[in-house]
């Protein structure tokens, strides 16, 4: 239960509250790519939830198994969490590479649209310092 609270509920709450604050600031500006930014923020929040929620649900199954009296239910819960642990752990740890992929696809359209002007700015910023 402690892992669920410290590893999912608190971080997810911090992420959601932080991005809500960012969205409020974004909506007050006349930033022309505001809608794309809002979609990116939504994708980040949902991605975190989709990658980590199965892992924590399996943890809850394990906690329920530990508290459950002996019987058919306990055997079923034991089978579920033993078979699910490796897959949900792998999915949870793959999540660390999800945000860079989201940012890559968000930035890709910017580079494509701005094209040579972006490349020239990038080259000057590296070589000129």
C-alpha atoms as a PDB file:
ATOM      1  CA  UNK A   1       0.000   0.000   0.000  1.00  0.00           C
ATOM      2  CA  UNK A   2       2.881   2.333   0.815  1.00  0.00           C
ATOM      3  CA  UNK A   3       4.322   1.761  -2.655  1.00  0.00           C
ATOM      4  CA  UNK A   4       0.961   2.599  -4.215  1.00  0.00           C
ATOM      5  CA  UNK A   5       0.717   5.851  -2.279  1.00  0.00           C
ATOM      6  CA  UNK A   6       4.364   6.936  -2.608  1.00  0.00           C
ATOM      7  CA  UNK A   7       5.008   5.464  -6.048  1.00  0.00           C
ATOM      8  CA  UNK A   8       1.782   6.324  -7.852  1.00  0.00           C
ATOM      9  CA  UNK A   9      -0.859   8.393  -6.086  1.00  0.00           C
ATOM     10  CA  UNK A  10       1.401  11.188  -4.830  1.00  0.00           C
ATOM     11  CA  UNK A  11       3.510  11.467  -8.032  1.00  0.00           C
ATOM     12  CA  UNK A  12       0.406  11.315 -10.238  1.00  0.00           C
ATOM     13  CA  UNK A  13      -1.290  14.009  -8.156  1.00  0.00           C
ATOM     14  CA  UNK A  14       1.809  16.225  -8.419  1.00  0.00           C
ATOM     15  CA  UNK A  15       1.966  15.669 -12.194  1.00  0.00           C
ATOM     16  CA  UNK A  16      -1.727  16.431 -12.713  1.00  0.00           C
ATOM     17  CA  UNK A  17      -1.687  19.548 -10.492  1.00  0.00           C
ATOM     18  CA  UNK A  18       1.510  20.829 -12.143  1.00  0.00           C
ATOM     19  CA  UNK A  19       0.155  20.382 -15.643  1.00  0.00           C
ATOM     20  CA  UNK A  20      -3.166  21.970 -14.676  1.00  0.00           C
ATOM     21  CA  UNK A  21      -1.188  25.042 -13.549  1.00  0.00           C
ATOM     22  CA  UNK A  22       0.731  25.023 -16.837  1.00  0.00           C
ATOM     23  CA  UNK A  23      -2.516  24.698 -18.810  1.00  0.00           C
ATOM     24  CA  UNK A  24      -4.033  27.662 -16.958  1.00  0.00           C
ATOM     25  CA  UNK A  25      -1.004  29.780 -17.835  1.00  0.00           C
ATOM     26  CA  UNK A  26      -1.082  28.573 -21.435  1.00  0.00           C
ATOM     27  CA  UNK A  27      -4.745  29.478 -21.837  1.00  0.00           C
ATOM     28  CA  UNK A  28      -4.049  33.033 -20.660  1.00  0.00           C
ATOM     29  CA  UNK A  29      -1.457  33.571 -23.399  1.00  0.00           C
ATOM     30  CA  UNK A  30      -1.899  34.083 -27.096  1.00  0.00           C
ATOM     31  CA  UNK A  31       0.550  31.272 -27.828  1.00  0.00           C
ATOM     32  CA  UNK A  32      -0.378  30.111 -31.319  1.00  0.00           C
ATOM     33  CA  UNK A  33       0.497  26.464 -30.671  1.00  0.00           C
ATOM     34  CA  UNK A  34      -1.540  26.288 -27.478  1.00  0.00           C
ATOM     35  CA  UNK A  35      -3.809  23.449 -28.675  1.00  0.00           C
ATOM     36  CA  UNK A  36      -0.827  21.295 -29.623  1.00  0.00           C
ATOM     37  CA  UNK A  37       0.740  21.980 -26.230  1.00  0.00           C
ATOM     38  CA  UNK A  38      -2.494  21.023 -24.492  1.00  0.00           C
ATOM     39  CA  UNK A  39      -2.581  17.738 -26.417  1.00  0.00           C
ATOM     40  CA  UNK A  40       1.033  17.034 -25.482  1.00  0.00           C
ATOM     41  CA  UNK A  41       0.306  17.672 -21.797  1.00  0.00           C
ATOM     42  CA  UNK A  42      -2.731  15.394 -21.931  1.00  0.00           C
ATOM     43  CA  UNK A  43      -0.646  12.702 -23.631  1.00  0.00           C
ATOM     44  CA  UNK A  44       2.041  12.927 -20.930  1.00  0.00           C
ATOM     45  CA  UNK A  45      -0.470  12.655 -18.089  1.00  0.00           C
ATOM     46  CA  UNK A  46      -2.326   9.749 -19.700  1.00  0.00           C
ATOM     47  CA  UNK A  47       0.891   7.961 -20.613  1.00  0.00           C
ATOM     48  CA  UNK A  48       2.109   8.039 -17.017  1.00  0.00           C
ATOM     49  CA  UNK A  49      -1.198   6.600 -15.851  1.00  0.00           C
ATOM     50  CA  UNK A  50      -1.385   3.910 -18.548  1.00  0.00           C
ATOM     51  CA  UNK A  51       2.160   2.692 -17.931  1.00  0.00           C
ATOM     52  CA  UNK A  52       2.108   2.687 -14.121  1.00  0.00           C
ATOM     53  CA  UNK A  53      -1.500   1.829 -13.223  1.00  0.00           C
ATOM     54  CA  UNK A  54      -1.288  -1.884 -14.203  1.00  0.00           C
ATOM     55  CA  UNK A  55       1.811  -2.311 -12.036  1.00  0.00           C
ATOM     56  CA  UNK A  56       0.086  -0.816  -9.028  1.00  0.00           C
ATOM     57  CA  UNK A  57      -3.106  -2.785  -9.646  1.00  0.00           C
ATOM     58  CA  UNK A  58      -1.039  -5.975  -9.522  1.00  0.00           C
ATOM     59  CA  UNK A  59       0.445  -4.713  -6.249  1.00  0.00           C
ATOM     60  CA  UNK A  60      -3.089  -4.300  -4.923  1.00  0.00           C
ATOM     61  CA  UNK A  61      -3.898  -7.860  -5.995  1.00  0.00           C
ATOM     62  CA  UNK A  62      -0.818  -9.010  -4.068  1.00  0.00           C
ATOM     63  CA  UNK A  63      -1.887  -7.063  -0.962  1.00  0.00           C
ATOM     64  CA  UNK A  64      -5.388  -8.536  -1.237  1.00  0.00           C
ATOM     65  CA  UNK A  65      -3.852 -12.004  -1.586  1.00  0.00           C
ATOM     66  CA  UNK A  66      -1.794 -11.480   1.570  1.00  0.00           C
ATOM     67  CA  UNK A  67      -4.856 -10.384   3.552  1.00  0.00           C
ATOM     68  CA  UNK A  68      -7.208 -13.010   2.142  1.00  0.00           C
ATOM     69  CA  UNK A  69      -7.935 -16.193   4.110  1.00  0.00           C
ATOM     70  CA  UNK A  70      -6.957 -19.508   2.534  1.00  0.00           C
ATOM     71  CA  UNK A  71      -9.231 -20.773  -0.190  1.00  0.00           C
ATOM     72  CA  UNK A  72     -10.021 -20.600  -3.888  1.00  0.00           C
ATOM     73  CA  UNK A  73      -9.959 -16.782  -3.988  1.00  0.00           C
ATOM     74  CA  UNK A  74      -6.488 -16.695  -2.452  1.00  0.00           C
ATOM     75  CA  UNK A  75      -5.209 -19.228  -5.012  1.00  0.00           C
ATOM     76  CA  UNK A  76      -6.696 -17.222  -7.884  1.00  0.00           C
ATOM     77  CA  UNK A  77      -5.173 -13.961  -6.622  1.00  0.00           C
ATOM     78  CA  UNK A  78      -1.810 -15.708  -6.209  1.00  0.00           C
ATOM     79  CA  UNK A  79      -1.947 -16.936  -9.810  1.00  0.00           C
ATOM     80  CA  UNK A  80      -2.934 -13.478 -11.120  1.00  0.00           C
ATOM     81  CA  UNK A  81      -0.145 -11.547  -9.431  1.00  0.00           C
ATOM     82  CA  UNK A  82       2.534 -14.144 -10.152  1.00  0.00           C
ATOM     83  CA  UNK A  83       1.694 -14.224 -13.867  1.00  0.00           C
ATOM     84  CA  UNK A  84       1.249 -10.451 -14.175  1.00  0.00           C
ATOM     85  CA  UNK A  85       4.233  -9.178 -12.188  1.00  0.00           C
ATOM     86  CA  UNK A  86       6.926  -9.452 -14.889  1.00  0.00           C
ATOM     87  CA  UNK A  87       4.811  -7.906 -17.648  1.00  0.00           C
ATOM     88  CA  UNK A  88       3.509  -4.999 -15.589  1.00  0.00           C
ATOM     89  CA  UNK A  89       6.989  -4.308 -14.196  1.00  0.00           C
ATOM     90  CA  UNK A  90       8.423  -4.179 -17.699  1.00  0.00           C
ATOM     91  CA  UNK A  91       5.656  -1.846 -18.875  1.00  0.00           C
ATOM     92  CA  UNK A  92       6.197   0.432 -15.876  1.00  0.00           C
ATOM     93  CA  UNK A  93       9.919   0.729 -16.499  1.00  0.00           C
ATOM     94  CA  UNK A  94       9.435   1.282 -20.234  1.00  0.00           C
ATOM     95  CA  UNK A  95       7.489   4.399 -19.250  1.00  0.00           C
ATOM     96  CA  UNK A  96      10.762   6.212 -18.605  1.00  0.00           C
ATOM     97  CA  UNK A  97      11.315   6.310 -22.360  1.00  0.00           C
ATOM     98  CA  UNK A  98       7.769   7.404 -23.225  1.00  0.00           C
ATOM     99  CA  UNK A  99       8.124  11.155 -22.545  1.00  0.00           C
ATOM    100  CA  UNK A 100      11.163  11.636 -24.810  1.00  0.00           C
ATOM    101  CA  UNK A 101       9.259   9.865 -27.594  1.00  0.00           C
ATOM    102  CA  UNK A 102       6.254  12.149 -27.061  1.00  0.00           C
ATOM    103  CA  UNK A 103       8.488  15.226 -27.124  1.00  0.00           C
ATOM    104  CA  UNK A 104      10.248  13.938 -30.239  1.00  0.00           C
ATOM    105  CA  UNK A 105       7.000  13.652 -32.180  1.00  0.00           C
ATOM    106  CA  UNK A 106       5.800  17.020 -30.875  1.00  0.00           C
ATOM    107  CA  UNK A 107       9.068  18.693 -31.953  1.00  0.00           C
ATOM    108  CA  UNK A 108       9.285  16.836 -35.268  1.00  0.00           C
ATOM    109  CA  UNK A 109       6.446  18.825 -36.799  1.00  0.00           C
ATOM    110  CA  UNK A 110       8.070  22.059 -35.623  1.00  0.00           C
ATOM    111  CA  UNK A 111      11.356  21.155 -37.320  1.00  0.00           C
ATOM    112  CA  UNK A 112       9.525  20.082 -40.477  1.00  0.00           C
ATOM    113  CA  UNK A 113       7.555  23.340 -40.623  1.00  0.00           C
ATOM    114  CA  UNK A 114      10.419  25.679 -39.793  1.00  0.00           C
ATOM    115  CA  UNK A 115      12.901  23.672 -41.847  1.00  0.00           C
ATOM    116  CA  UNK A 116      16.105  25.415 -42.801  1.00  0.00           C
ATOM    117  CA  UNK A 117      15.585  28.383 -40.497  1.00  0.00           C
ATOM    118  CA  UNK A 118      15.608  26.040 -37.510  1.00  0.00           C
ATOM    119  CA  UNK A 119      18.676  24.167 -38.772  1.00  0.00           C
ATOM    120  CA  UNK A 120      20.527  27.431 -39.351  1.00  0.00           C
ATOM    121  CA  UNK A 121      19.672  28.675 -35.855  1.00  0.00           C
ATOM    122  CA  UNK A 122      20.766  25.344 -34.375  1.00  0.00           C
ATOM    123  CA  UNK A 123      24.092  25.360 -36.237  1.00  0.00           C
ATOM    124  CA  UNK A 124      24.829  28.946 -35.179  1.00  0.00           C
ATOM    125  CA  UNK A 125      24.000  28.261 -31.565  1.00  0.00           C
ATOM    126  CA  UNK A 126      26.434  25.309 -31.487  1.00  0.00           C
ATOM    127  CA  UNK A 127      29.329  26.760 -33.435  1.00  0.00           C
ATOM    128  CA  UNK A 128      29.104  30.390 -32.305  1.00  0.00           C
ATOM    129  CA  UNK A 129      28.448  29.482 -28.714  1.00  0.00           C
END
